[in-house]
C-alpha cells in the first residue's frame, strides 16, 4: 500500500484502480452505496454488447461524448479516459463515506469521554479518522488527474473559476445513469 501511495505522489501514470485499491484497503463500508456501480461494471467490460448497452443506457452522455465507434465497435479515446474517471469518482465517493463514518463514530464515543488523557479506543478512532481523511485526499487527487485527462480527450469546456473536481462530479451526475436502488445522492 505504501508503494502505491509513493508511486502516486511521484506522479507516475498509475491507474485509478490502484487508487481504488488504496482507498478500499482503508475502507470501512461497502461500495454498495455508489449510485453508478452498475454502469461502471458495464463500462469496465470491453465486449461489443457492453459497448452497445453503455451507449443505450446513457443517451445524455453519448450525446456529448461518443463512447464507441467503428465497425467492429471500439471504445473512443474519450471513453477510455472515462473508465479511470468513473473509478476515481467511486474511490472519492467511498472515501467520503468512510470519512463521515469515522467522524460519526469518533463523535459518538468522544461525547462520553472523561476529561484528561484520551483512552486507547479514542486514540484508535482518531487514527482511523486520519487514515480516512488521507484516503479522501488521495482519492480527490486521483479524481482531478482523471478528470483532466477526460476533459482533454472529450473536448469539454470547463467554466472559469470553477474547481475541476466539483464541475466533473456535477457533469457526471447529470449524464451517467444511476442504479435503480441508488437514485438519490446524499451529498
N, C-alpha and C. Protein backbone atom coordinates (compact mmCIF):
# COMPACT_ATOMS: atom_id res chain seq x y z
N UNK A 1 0.83 -1.18 0.00
CA UNK A 1 0.00 0.00 0.00
C UNK A 1 0.87 1.25 0.00
N UNK A 2 1.95 1.25 0.77
CA UNK A 2 2.83 2.40 0.83
C UNK A 2 3.51 2.63 -0.51
N UNK A 3 3.85 1.54 -1.23
CA UNK A 3 4.48 1.68 -2.54
C UNK A 3 3.52 2.32 -3.52
N UNK A 4 2.25 1.95 -3.45
CA UNK A 4 1.24 2.55 -4.34
C UNK A 4 1.09 4.03 -4.06
N UNK A 5 1.05 4.40 -2.78
CA UNK A 5 0.91 5.81 -2.42
C UNK A 5 2.14 6.59 -2.85
N UNK A 6 3.33 6.00 -2.69
CA UNK A 6 4.56 6.67 -3.09
C UNK A 6 4.59 6.87 -4.60
N UNK A 7 4.19 5.84 -5.37
CA UNK A 7 4.16 5.95 -6.83
C UNK A 7 3.18 7.02 -7.27
N UNK A 8 2.04 7.12 -6.58
CA UNK A 8 1.04 8.13 -6.93
C UNK A 8 1.58 9.53 -6.65
N UNK A 9 2.25 9.70 -5.48
CA UNK A 9 2.77 11.01 -5.13
C UNK A 9 3.87 11.46 -6.06
N UNK A 10 4.62 10.50 -6.63
CA UNK A 10 5.70 10.85 -7.53
C UNK A 10 5.20 11.22 -8.91
N UNK A 11 3.91 11.04 -9.15
CA UNK A 11 3.32 11.48 -10.41
C UNK A 11 3.34 10.42 -11.49
N UNK A 12 3.57 9.16 -11.16
CA UNK A 12 3.52 8.11 -12.16
C UNK A 12 2.11 8.03 -12.71
N UNK A 13 1.99 7.58 -13.93
CA UNK A 13 0.67 7.40 -14.53
C UNK A 13 0.09 6.07 -14.09
N UNK A 14 -0.34 6.00 -12.87
CA UNK A 14 -0.94 4.78 -12.35
C UNK A 14 -2.42 4.80 -12.64
N UNK A 15 -2.98 3.63 -12.73
CA UNK A 15 -4.42 3.52 -12.96
C UNK A 15 -5.18 4.03 -11.76
N UNK A 16 -6.39 4.45 -12.00
CA UNK A 16 -7.26 4.79 -10.88
C UNK A 16 -7.59 3.54 -10.08
N UNK A 17 -7.40 2.37 -10.69
CA UNK A 17 -7.64 1.11 -9.98
C UNK A 17 -6.71 0.99 -8.78
N UNK A 18 -5.47 1.43 -8.92
CA UNK A 18 -4.53 1.37 -7.81
C UNK A 18 -5.03 2.27 -6.70
N UNK A 19 -5.52 3.44 -7.07
CA UNK A 19 -6.04 4.35 -6.07
C UNK A 19 -7.29 3.75 -5.43
N UNK A 20 -8.14 3.11 -6.24
CA UNK A 20 -9.31 2.45 -5.68
C UNK A 20 -8.88 1.36 -4.71
N UNK A 21 -7.84 0.62 -5.05
CA UNK A 21 -7.33 -0.40 -4.16
C UNK A 21 -6.76 0.21 -2.90
N UNK A 22 -6.10 1.35 -3.05
CA UNK A 22 -5.52 2.04 -1.90
C UNK A 22 -6.63 2.52 -0.98
N UNK A 23 -7.68 3.05 -1.55
CA UNK A 23 -8.79 3.53 -0.75
C UNK A 23 -9.54 2.35 -0.13
N UNK A 24 -9.74 1.29 -0.91
CA UNK A 24 -10.51 0.17 -0.37
C UNK A 24 -9.73 -0.57 0.70
N UNK A 25 -8.40 -0.42 0.74
CA UNK A 25 -7.64 -1.05 1.81
C UNK A 25 -7.94 -0.39 3.15
N UNK A 26 -8.35 0.87 3.13
CA UNK A 26 -8.66 1.58 4.36
C UNK A 26 -10.16 1.78 4.56
N UNK A 27 -10.98 1.16 3.71
CA UNK A 27 -12.42 1.41 3.79
C UNK A 27 -13.06 0.68 4.94
N UNK A 28 -14.17 1.26 5.37
CA UNK A 28 -14.91 0.67 6.48
C UNK A 28 -16.30 0.25 6.06
N UNK A 29 -16.71 0.63 4.85
CA UNK A 29 -18.04 0.29 4.36
C UNK A 29 -17.92 -0.38 2.99
N UNK A 30 -19.05 -0.81 2.47
CA UNK A 30 -19.07 -1.46 1.18
C UNK A 30 -19.35 -0.45 0.08
N UNK A 31 -19.06 -0.85 -1.18
CA UNK A 31 -19.28 0.02 -2.33
C UNK A 31 -20.73 0.07 -2.77
N UNK A 32 -21.62 -0.58 -2.04
CA UNK A 32 -22.99 -0.69 -2.49
C UNK A 32 -23.71 0.66 -2.58
N UNK A 33 -23.19 1.70 -1.95
CA UNK A 33 -23.87 2.99 -1.96
C UNK A 33 -23.47 3.87 -3.14
N UNK A 34 -22.46 3.48 -3.90
CA UNK A 34 -22.09 4.26 -5.07
C UNK A 34 -23.23 4.18 -6.08
N UNK A 35 -23.78 5.32 -6.50
CA UNK A 35 -25.01 5.29 -7.29
C UNK A 35 -24.87 4.79 -8.71
N UNK A 36 -23.66 4.70 -9.24
CA UNK A 36 -23.47 4.32 -10.64
C UNK A 36 -22.66 3.04 -10.77
N UNK A 37 -22.73 2.17 -9.77
CA UNK A 37 -21.93 0.95 -9.77
C UNK A 37 -22.29 0.04 -10.95
N UNK A 38 -23.55 -0.04 -11.29
CA UNK A 38 -23.97 -0.88 -12.41
C UNK A 38 -23.39 -0.41 -13.73
N UNK A 39 -23.43 0.90 -13.96
CA UNK A 39 -22.87 1.45 -15.20
C UNK A 39 -21.36 1.27 -15.22
N UNK A 40 -20.71 1.45 -14.08
CA UNK A 40 -19.26 1.27 -14.00
C UNK A 40 -18.89 -0.17 -14.33
N UNK A 41 -19.64 -1.13 -13.79
CA UNK A 41 -19.38 -2.53 -14.10
C UNK A 41 -19.61 -2.85 -15.57
N UNK A 42 -20.66 -2.29 -16.14
CA UNK A 42 -20.95 -2.49 -17.56
C UNK A 42 -19.86 -1.86 -18.41
N UNK A 43 -19.43 -0.69 -18.01
CA UNK A 43 -18.44 0.05 -18.79
C UNK A 43 -17.07 -0.60 -18.71
N UNK A 44 -16.78 -1.29 -17.60
CA UNK A 44 -15.48 -1.95 -17.43
C UNK A 44 -15.34 -3.16 -18.35
N UNK A 45 -16.47 -3.76 -18.73
CA UNK A 45 -16.40 -4.86 -19.70
C UNK A 45 -16.05 -4.29 -21.06
N UNK A 46 -15.35 -5.05 -21.86
CA UNK A 46 -14.92 -4.48 -23.14
C UNK A 46 -15.51 -5.20 -24.34
N UNK A 47 -16.55 -5.99 -24.15
CA UNK A 47 -17.14 -6.67 -25.29
C UNK A 47 -18.11 -5.74 -26.03
N UNK A 48 -18.48 -6.15 -27.22
CA UNK A 48 -19.30 -5.31 -28.08
C UNK A 48 -20.70 -5.09 -27.51
N UNK A 49 -21.26 -6.09 -26.83
CA UNK A 49 -22.58 -5.94 -26.22
C UNK A 49 -22.55 -4.88 -25.12
N UNK A 50 -21.46 -4.85 -24.35
CA UNK A 50 -21.33 -3.84 -23.30
C UNK A 50 -21.26 -2.45 -23.90
N UNK A 51 -20.57 -2.33 -25.04
CA UNK A 51 -20.47 -1.03 -25.70
C UNK A 51 -21.83 -0.54 -26.17
N UNK A 52 -22.60 -1.44 -26.75
CA UNK A 52 -23.94 -1.06 -27.19
C UNK A 52 -24.83 -0.70 -26.01
N UNK A 53 -24.77 -1.52 -24.94
CA UNK A 53 -25.60 -1.28 -23.76
C UNK A 53 -25.22 0.03 -23.08
N UNK A 54 -23.92 0.33 -23.00
CA UNK A 54 -23.47 1.58 -22.39
C UNK A 54 -23.98 2.78 -23.18
N UNK A 55 -23.96 2.69 -24.50
CA UNK A 55 -24.49 3.77 -25.33
C UNK A 55 -25.99 3.90 -25.20
N UNK A 56 -26.67 2.78 -25.03
CA UNK A 56 -28.13 2.79 -24.88
C UNK A 56 -28.55 3.32 -23.51
N UNK A 57 -27.81 2.96 -22.46
CA UNK A 57 -28.17 3.35 -21.09
C UNK A 57 -27.88 4.81 -20.79
N UNK A 58 -26.96 5.41 -21.51
CA UNK A 58 -26.53 6.78 -21.20
C UNK A 58 -26.67 7.69 -22.41
N UNK A 59 -27.90 7.98 -22.85
CA UNK A 59 -28.05 8.82 -24.04
C UNK A 59 -27.57 10.26 -23.82
N UNK A 60 -27.69 10.78 -22.58
CA UNK A 60 -27.20 12.14 -22.32
C UNK A 60 -25.68 12.20 -22.40
N UNK A 61 -25.03 11.12 -21.99
CA UNK A 61 -23.58 11.07 -22.04
C UNK A 61 -23.10 10.92 -23.48
N UNK A 62 -23.72 10.02 -24.23
CA UNK A 62 -23.28 9.78 -25.61
C UNK A 62 -23.63 10.93 -26.54
N UNK A 63 -24.56 11.79 -26.15
CA UNK A 63 -24.86 12.96 -26.97
C UNK A 63 -23.66 13.92 -27.00
N UNK A 64 -22.92 14.00 -25.90
CA UNK A 64 -21.76 14.89 -25.84
C UNK A 64 -20.45 14.17 -26.11
N UNK A 65 -20.35 12.92 -25.65
CA UNK A 65 -19.11 12.17 -25.77
C UNK A 65 -19.41 10.83 -26.42
N UNK A 66 -19.01 10.63 -27.68
CA UNK A 66 -19.23 9.32 -28.29
C UNK A 66 -18.37 8.27 -27.60
N UNK A 67 -19.03 7.18 -27.16
CA UNK A 67 -18.30 6.15 -26.41
C UNK A 67 -17.67 5.11 -27.33
N UNK A 68 -18.37 4.71 -28.38
CA UNK A 68 -17.85 3.68 -29.27
C UNK A 68 -18.06 4.10 -30.70
N UNK A 69 -17.14 3.66 -31.55
CA UNK A 69 -17.26 3.98 -32.97
C UNK A 69 -16.60 2.88 -33.78
N UNK A 70 -16.85 2.92 -35.07
CA UNK A 70 -16.22 1.97 -35.98
C UNK A 70 -16.99 0.69 -36.13
N UNK A 71 -16.48 -0.14 -37.03
CA UNK A 71 -17.06 -1.45 -37.26
C UNK A 71 -15.93 -2.45 -37.36
N UNK A 72 -15.68 -3.31 -36.43
CA UNK A 72 -16.40 -3.57 -35.19
C UNK A 72 -16.24 -2.41 -34.20
N UNK A 73 -17.16 -2.37 -33.25
CA UNK A 73 -17.16 -1.28 -32.28
C UNK A 73 -15.89 -1.28 -31.45
N UNK A 74 -15.35 -0.09 -31.25
CA UNK A 74 -14.19 0.10 -30.38
C UNK A 74 -14.43 1.33 -29.53
N UNK A 75 -13.90 1.31 -28.30
CA UNK A 75 -14.03 2.48 -27.43
C UNK A 75 -13.26 3.64 -28.03
N UNK A 76 -13.82 4.83 -27.92
CA UNK A 76 -13.12 6.04 -28.35
C UNK A 76 -12.10 6.44 -27.28
N UNK A 77 -11.25 7.40 -27.61
CA UNK A 77 -10.24 7.86 -26.64
C UNK A 77 -10.91 8.48 -25.42
N UNK A 78 -12.01 9.18 -25.65
CA UNK A 78 -12.75 9.79 -24.53
C UNK A 78 -13.36 8.71 -23.64
N UNK A 79 -13.86 7.63 -24.23
CA UNK A 79 -14.43 6.54 -23.45
C UNK A 79 -13.35 5.83 -22.64
N UNK A 80 -12.17 5.69 -23.22
CA UNK A 80 -11.06 5.07 -22.49
C UNK A 80 -10.62 5.95 -21.31
N UNK A 81 -10.77 7.25 -21.44
CA UNK A 81 -10.46 8.16 -20.33
C UNK A 81 -11.60 8.22 -19.31
N UNK A 82 -12.80 7.81 -19.73
CA UNK A 82 -13.95 7.85 -18.83
C UNK A 82 -13.88 6.74 -17.78
N UNK A 83 -13.36 5.58 -18.12
CA UNK A 83 -13.30 4.47 -17.16
C UNK A 83 -12.46 4.83 -15.92
N UNK A 84 -11.22 5.33 -16.06
CA UNK A 84 -10.49 5.74 -14.86
C UNK A 84 -11.18 6.86 -14.09
N UNK A 85 -11.89 7.73 -14.81
CA UNK A 85 -12.63 8.80 -14.15
C UNK A 85 -13.76 8.24 -13.29
N UNK A 86 -14.50 7.28 -13.83
CA UNK A 86 -15.58 6.66 -13.05
C UNK A 86 -15.01 5.90 -11.85
N UNK A 87 -13.87 5.24 -12.02
CA UNK A 87 -13.25 4.53 -10.91
C UNK A 87 -12.76 5.50 -9.84
N UNK A 88 -12.20 6.63 -10.27
CA UNK A 88 -11.75 7.63 -9.31
C UNK A 88 -12.94 8.27 -8.60
N UNK A 89 -14.05 8.46 -9.32
CA UNK A 89 -15.26 9.01 -8.70
C UNK A 89 -15.78 8.04 -7.64
N UNK A 90 -15.74 6.73 -7.96
CA UNK A 90 -16.15 5.74 -6.98
C UNK A 90 -15.24 5.76 -5.75
N UNK A 91 -13.95 5.89 -5.98
CA UNK A 91 -13.00 5.95 -4.86
C UNK A 91 -13.24 7.19 -4.01
N UNK A 92 -13.54 8.31 -4.64
CA UNK A 92 -13.84 9.54 -3.91
C UNK A 92 -15.12 9.38 -3.11
N UNK A 93 -16.12 8.79 -3.72
CA UNK A 93 -17.40 8.53 -3.05
C UNK A 93 -17.18 7.66 -1.82
N UNK A 94 -16.41 6.59 -1.99
CA UNK A 94 -16.14 5.65 -0.91
C UNK A 94 -15.35 6.33 0.21
N UNK A 95 -14.33 7.11 -0.16
CA UNK A 95 -13.51 7.79 0.85
C UNK A 95 -14.33 8.82 1.63
N UNK A 96 -15.22 9.52 0.96
CA UNK A 96 -16.07 10.49 1.65
C UNK A 96 -17.00 9.78 2.62
N UNK A 97 -17.52 8.64 2.20
CA UNK A 97 -18.39 7.85 3.08
C UNK A 97 -17.62 7.35 4.30
N UNK A 98 -16.40 6.89 4.08
CA UNK A 98 -15.58 6.39 5.19
C UNK A 98 -15.19 7.50 6.15
N UNK A 99 -14.89 8.68 5.62
CA UNK A 99 -14.54 9.82 6.46
C UNK A 99 -15.72 10.21 7.33
N UNK A 100 -16.90 10.26 6.76
CA UNK A 100 -18.10 10.60 7.53
C UNK A 100 -18.39 9.55 8.59
N UNK A 101 -18.21 8.28 8.24
CA UNK A 101 -18.44 7.21 9.19
C UNK A 101 -17.46 7.28 10.37
N UNK A 102 -16.19 7.53 10.08
CA UNK A 102 -15.18 7.64 11.13
C UNK A 102 -15.46 8.84 12.03
N UNK A 103 -15.86 9.95 11.44
CA UNK A 103 -16.17 11.16 12.22
C UNK A 103 -17.39 10.92 13.12
N UNK A 104 -18.41 10.26 12.60
CA UNK A 104 -19.60 9.96 13.40
C UNK A 104 -19.26 9.04 14.58
N UNK A 105 -18.44 8.03 14.29
CA UNK A 105 -18.06 7.10 15.35
C UNK A 105 -17.23 7.80 16.42
N UNK A 106 -16.31 8.65 16.01
CA UNK A 106 -15.49 9.40 16.97
C UNK A 106 -16.36 10.34 17.80
N UNK A 107 -17.29 11.02 17.15
CA UNK A 107 -18.20 11.92 17.87
C UNK A 107 -19.03 11.18 18.91
N UNK A 108 -19.50 10.00 18.52
CA UNK A 108 -20.34 9.21 19.41
C UNK A 108 -19.59 8.81 20.68
N UNK A 109 -18.35 8.38 20.55
CA UNK A 109 -17.59 7.93 21.71
C UNK A 109 -16.93 9.07 22.47
N UNK A 110 -16.60 10.15 21.77
CA UNK A 110 -15.95 11.27 22.43
C UNK A 110 -16.92 12.04 23.31
N UNK A 111 -18.20 11.92 23.01
CA UNK A 111 -19.21 12.63 23.77
C UNK A 111 -19.19 12.22 25.25
N UNK A 112 -18.94 10.94 25.51
CA UNK A 112 -18.98 10.42 26.87
C UNK A 112 -17.59 10.23 27.48
N UNK A 113 -16.55 10.70 26.80
CA UNK A 113 -15.18 10.52 27.31
C UNK A 113 -14.93 11.46 28.49
N UNK A 114 -14.18 10.96 29.44
CA UNK A 114 -13.83 11.77 30.61
C UNK A 114 -12.75 12.77 30.21
N UNK A 115 -12.73 13.94 30.85
CA UNK A 115 -11.70 14.92 30.53
C UNK A 115 -10.32 14.39 30.91
N UNK A 116 -9.31 14.89 30.24
CA UNK A 116 -7.95 14.47 30.52
C UNK A 116 -7.40 13.65 29.37
N UNK A 117 -6.55 12.72 29.71
CA UNK A 117 -5.89 11.89 28.70
C UNK A 117 -6.92 11.00 28.01
N UNK A 118 -6.90 10.96 26.66
CA UNK A 118 -7.89 10.14 25.95
C UNK A 118 -7.59 8.65 26.11
N UNK A 119 -8.64 7.87 26.05
CA UNK A 119 -8.49 6.41 26.17
C UNK A 119 -7.86 5.86 24.89
N UNK A 120 -7.40 4.62 24.97
CA UNK A 120 -6.79 3.98 23.81
C UNK A 120 -7.80 3.84 22.67
N UNK A 121 -9.06 3.63 23.01
CA UNK A 121 -10.10 3.50 21.98
C UNK A 121 -10.31 4.81 21.23
N UNK A 122 -10.32 5.93 21.96
CA UNK A 122 -10.46 7.24 21.32
C UNK A 122 -9.26 7.51 20.42
N UNK A 123 -8.07 7.14 20.86
CA UNK A 123 -6.87 7.33 20.05
C UNK A 123 -6.97 6.51 18.77
N UNK A 124 -7.45 5.27 18.87
CA UNK A 124 -7.64 4.43 17.69
C UNK A 124 -8.65 5.06 16.73
N UNK A 125 -9.72 5.60 17.26
CA UNK A 125 -10.73 6.24 16.41
C UNK A 125 -10.16 7.47 15.71
N UNK A 126 -9.32 8.23 16.40
CA UNK A 126 -8.70 9.39 15.77
C UNK A 126 -7.75 8.96 14.66
N UNK A 127 -7.03 7.87 14.88
CA UNK A 127 -6.14 7.34 13.84
C UNK A 127 -6.94 6.85 12.64
N UNK A 128 -8.06 6.21 12.91
CA UNK A 128 -8.93 5.75 11.83
C UNK A 128 -9.46 6.94 11.03
N UNK A 129 -9.83 8.01 11.73
CA UNK A 129 -10.32 9.20 11.06
C UNK A 129 -9.21 9.85 10.22
N UNK A 130 -8.00 9.88 10.75
CA UNK A 130 -6.88 10.45 10.00
C UNK A 130 -6.58 9.63 8.74
N UNK A 131 -6.65 8.31 8.85
CA UNK A 131 -6.43 7.45 7.69
C UNK A 131 -7.53 7.66 6.65
N UNK A 132 -8.76 7.82 7.11
CA UNK A 132 -9.86 8.06 6.18
C UNK A 132 -9.71 9.40 5.47
N UNK A 133 -9.26 10.41 6.20
CA UNK A 133 -9.03 11.72 5.57
C UNK A 133 -7.92 11.65 4.53
N UNK A 134 -6.85 10.92 4.86
CA UNK A 134 -5.75 10.79 3.91
C UNK A 134 -6.21 10.05 2.65
N UNK A 135 -6.99 8.99 2.83
CA UNK A 135 -7.54 8.28 1.68
C UNK A 135 -8.45 9.19 0.85
N UNK A 136 -9.19 10.05 1.53
CA UNK A 136 -10.06 11.00 0.83
C UNK A 136 -9.24 11.99 0.01
N UNK A 137 -8.15 12.48 0.57
CA UNK A 137 -7.29 13.41 -0.16
C UNK A 137 -6.65 12.74 -1.38
N UNK A 138 -6.19 11.51 -1.22
CA UNK A 138 -5.58 10.79 -2.33
C UNK A 138 -6.62 10.52 -3.42
N UNK A 139 -7.82 10.13 -3.02
CA UNK A 139 -8.88 9.87 -4.00
C UNK A 139 -9.26 11.15 -4.74
N UNK A 140 -9.29 12.26 -4.05
CA UNK A 140 -9.61 13.53 -4.70
C UNK A 140 -8.54 13.91 -5.71
N UNK A 141 -7.28 13.68 -5.37
CA UNK A 141 -6.19 13.95 -6.32
C UNK A 141 -6.32 13.06 -7.55
N UNK A 142 -6.67 11.79 -7.35
CA UNK A 142 -6.85 10.89 -8.48
C UNK A 142 -8.03 11.33 -9.35
N UNK A 143 -9.09 11.82 -8.71
CA UNK A 143 -10.25 12.31 -9.46
C UNK A 143 -9.86 13.50 -10.31
N UNK A 144 -9.10 14.42 -9.75
CA UNK A 144 -8.69 15.60 -10.51
C UNK A 144 -7.80 15.20 -11.69
N UNK A 145 -6.89 14.26 -11.46
CA UNK A 145 -6.00 13.80 -12.53
C UNK A 145 -6.79 13.11 -13.64
N UNK A 146 -7.72 12.23 -13.26
CA UNK A 146 -8.53 11.54 -14.26
C UNK A 146 -9.48 12.50 -14.97
N UNK A 147 -10.00 13.48 -14.24
CA UNK A 147 -10.91 14.47 -14.84
C UNK A 147 -10.17 15.33 -15.86
N UNK A 148 -8.93 15.69 -15.56
CA UNK A 148 -8.15 16.49 -16.51
C UNK A 148 -7.92 15.72 -17.80
N UNK A 149 -7.60 14.43 -17.68
CA UNK A 149 -7.39 13.61 -18.87
C UNK A 149 -8.69 13.45 -19.66
N UNK A 150 -9.81 13.23 -18.96
CA UNK A 150 -11.09 13.06 -19.64
C UNK A 150 -11.55 14.34 -20.34
N UNK A 151 -11.43 15.46 -19.65
CA UNK A 151 -11.85 16.74 -20.23
C UNK A 151 -11.03 17.05 -21.48
N UNK A 152 -9.74 16.73 -21.42
CA UNK A 152 -8.87 16.96 -22.58
C UNK A 152 -9.29 16.07 -23.75
N UNK A 153 -9.54 14.78 -23.50
CA UNK A 153 -9.90 13.85 -24.57
C UNK A 153 -11.29 14.12 -25.13
N UNK A 154 -12.23 14.49 -24.27
CA UNK A 154 -13.61 14.70 -24.70
C UNK A 154 -13.85 16.09 -25.25
N UNK A 155 -12.92 17.01 -25.02
CA UNK A 155 -13.10 18.37 -25.52
C UNK A 155 -14.17 19.15 -24.78
N UNK A 156 -14.31 18.91 -23.51
CA UNK A 156 -15.31 19.58 -22.69
C UNK A 156 -14.72 20.89 -22.17
N UNK A 157 -15.51 21.95 -22.27
CA UNK A 157 -15.07 23.25 -21.75
C UNK A 157 -15.46 23.38 -20.29
N UNK A 158 -14.47 23.59 -19.44
CA UNK A 158 -14.71 23.77 -18.01
C UNK A 158 -14.88 25.26 -17.76
N UNK A 159 -15.92 25.67 -17.06
CA UNK A 159 -16.11 27.08 -16.78
C UNK A 159 -14.97 27.64 -15.93
N UNK A 160 -14.65 28.90 -16.17
CA UNK A 160 -13.61 29.55 -15.38
C UNK A 160 -14.06 29.69 -13.94
N UNK A 161 -13.08 29.75 -13.04
CA UNK A 161 -13.32 29.93 -11.60
C UNK A 161 -14.20 28.83 -11.02
N UNK A 162 -14.11 27.67 -11.57
CA UNK A 162 -14.88 26.52 -11.09
C UNK A 162 -13.90 25.38 -10.87
N UNK A 163 -13.85 24.81 -9.66
CA UNK A 163 -12.93 23.69 -9.43
C UNK A 163 -13.26 22.51 -10.36
N UNK A 164 -12.23 21.91 -10.90
CA UNK A 164 -12.42 20.82 -11.87
C UNK A 164 -13.15 19.64 -11.25
N UNK A 165 -12.81 19.29 -10.01
CA UNK A 165 -13.46 18.14 -9.40
C UNK A 165 -14.94 18.38 -9.15
N UNK A 166 -15.30 19.57 -8.72
CA UNK A 166 -16.72 19.89 -8.50
C UNK A 166 -17.48 19.90 -9.82
N UNK A 167 -16.87 20.46 -10.86
CA UNK A 167 -17.51 20.50 -12.17
C UNK A 167 -17.73 19.10 -12.73
N UNK A 168 -16.69 18.25 -12.65
CA UNK A 168 -16.80 16.93 -13.27
C UNK A 168 -17.77 16.03 -12.51
N UNK A 169 -17.84 16.16 -11.19
CA UNK A 169 -18.80 15.36 -10.41
C UNK A 169 -20.23 15.78 -10.78
N UNK A 170 -20.45 17.08 -10.92
CA UNK A 170 -21.78 17.55 -11.34
C UNK A 170 -22.08 17.11 -12.77
N UNK A 171 -21.10 17.19 -13.65
CA UNK A 171 -21.26 16.81 -15.04
C UNK A 171 -21.59 15.32 -15.15
N UNK A 172 -20.84 14.49 -14.42
CA UNK A 172 -21.10 13.04 -14.44
C UNK A 172 -22.45 12.72 -13.80
N UNK A 173 -22.78 13.41 -12.71
CA UNK A 173 -24.05 13.17 -12.03
C UNK A 173 -25.25 13.43 -12.92
N UNK A 174 -25.10 14.37 -13.84
CA UNK A 174 -26.20 14.70 -14.75
C UNK A 174 -26.27 13.76 -15.95
N UNK A 175 -25.17 13.06 -16.27
CA UNK A 175 -25.13 12.29 -17.52
C UNK A 175 -24.96 10.79 -17.35
N UNK A 176 -24.39 10.33 -16.28
CA UNK A 176 -24.17 8.90 -16.09
C UNK A 176 -25.40 8.30 -15.41
N UNK A 177 -25.93 7.21 -15.96
CA UNK A 177 -27.14 6.62 -15.38
C UNK A 177 -26.88 6.04 -14.00
N UNK A 178 -27.85 6.25 -13.12
CA UNK A 178 -27.76 5.75 -11.74
C UNK A 178 -28.45 4.40 -11.66
N UNK A 179 -28.02 3.61 -10.68
CA UNK A 179 -28.66 2.32 -10.43
C UNK A 179 -30.06 2.56 -9.90
N UNK A 180 -30.93 1.59 -10.09
CA UNK A 180 -32.33 1.74 -9.69
C UNK A 180 -32.48 1.97 -8.19
N UNK A 181 -31.71 1.28 -7.36
CA UNK A 181 -31.85 1.40 -5.92
C UNK A 181 -31.16 2.62 -5.34
N UNK A 182 -30.29 3.26 -6.09
CA UNK A 182 -29.50 4.38 -5.59
C UNK A 182 -29.80 5.67 -6.35
N UNK A 183 -31.04 6.02 -6.47
CA UNK A 183 -31.41 7.18 -7.28
C UNK A 183 -31.05 8.50 -6.63
N UNK A 184 -30.93 8.53 -5.31
CA UNK A 184 -30.65 9.81 -4.64
C UNK A 184 -29.19 9.91 -4.24
N UNK A 185 -28.69 11.10 -4.25
CA UNK A 185 -27.31 11.39 -3.90
C UNK A 185 -27.33 12.07 -2.53
N UNK A 186 -26.76 11.43 -1.48
CA UNK A 186 -26.86 12.02 -0.15
C UNK A 186 -26.01 13.27 0.03
N UNK A 187 -25.09 13.56 -0.90
CA UNK A 187 -24.23 14.74 -0.71
C UNK A 187 -24.56 15.83 -1.67
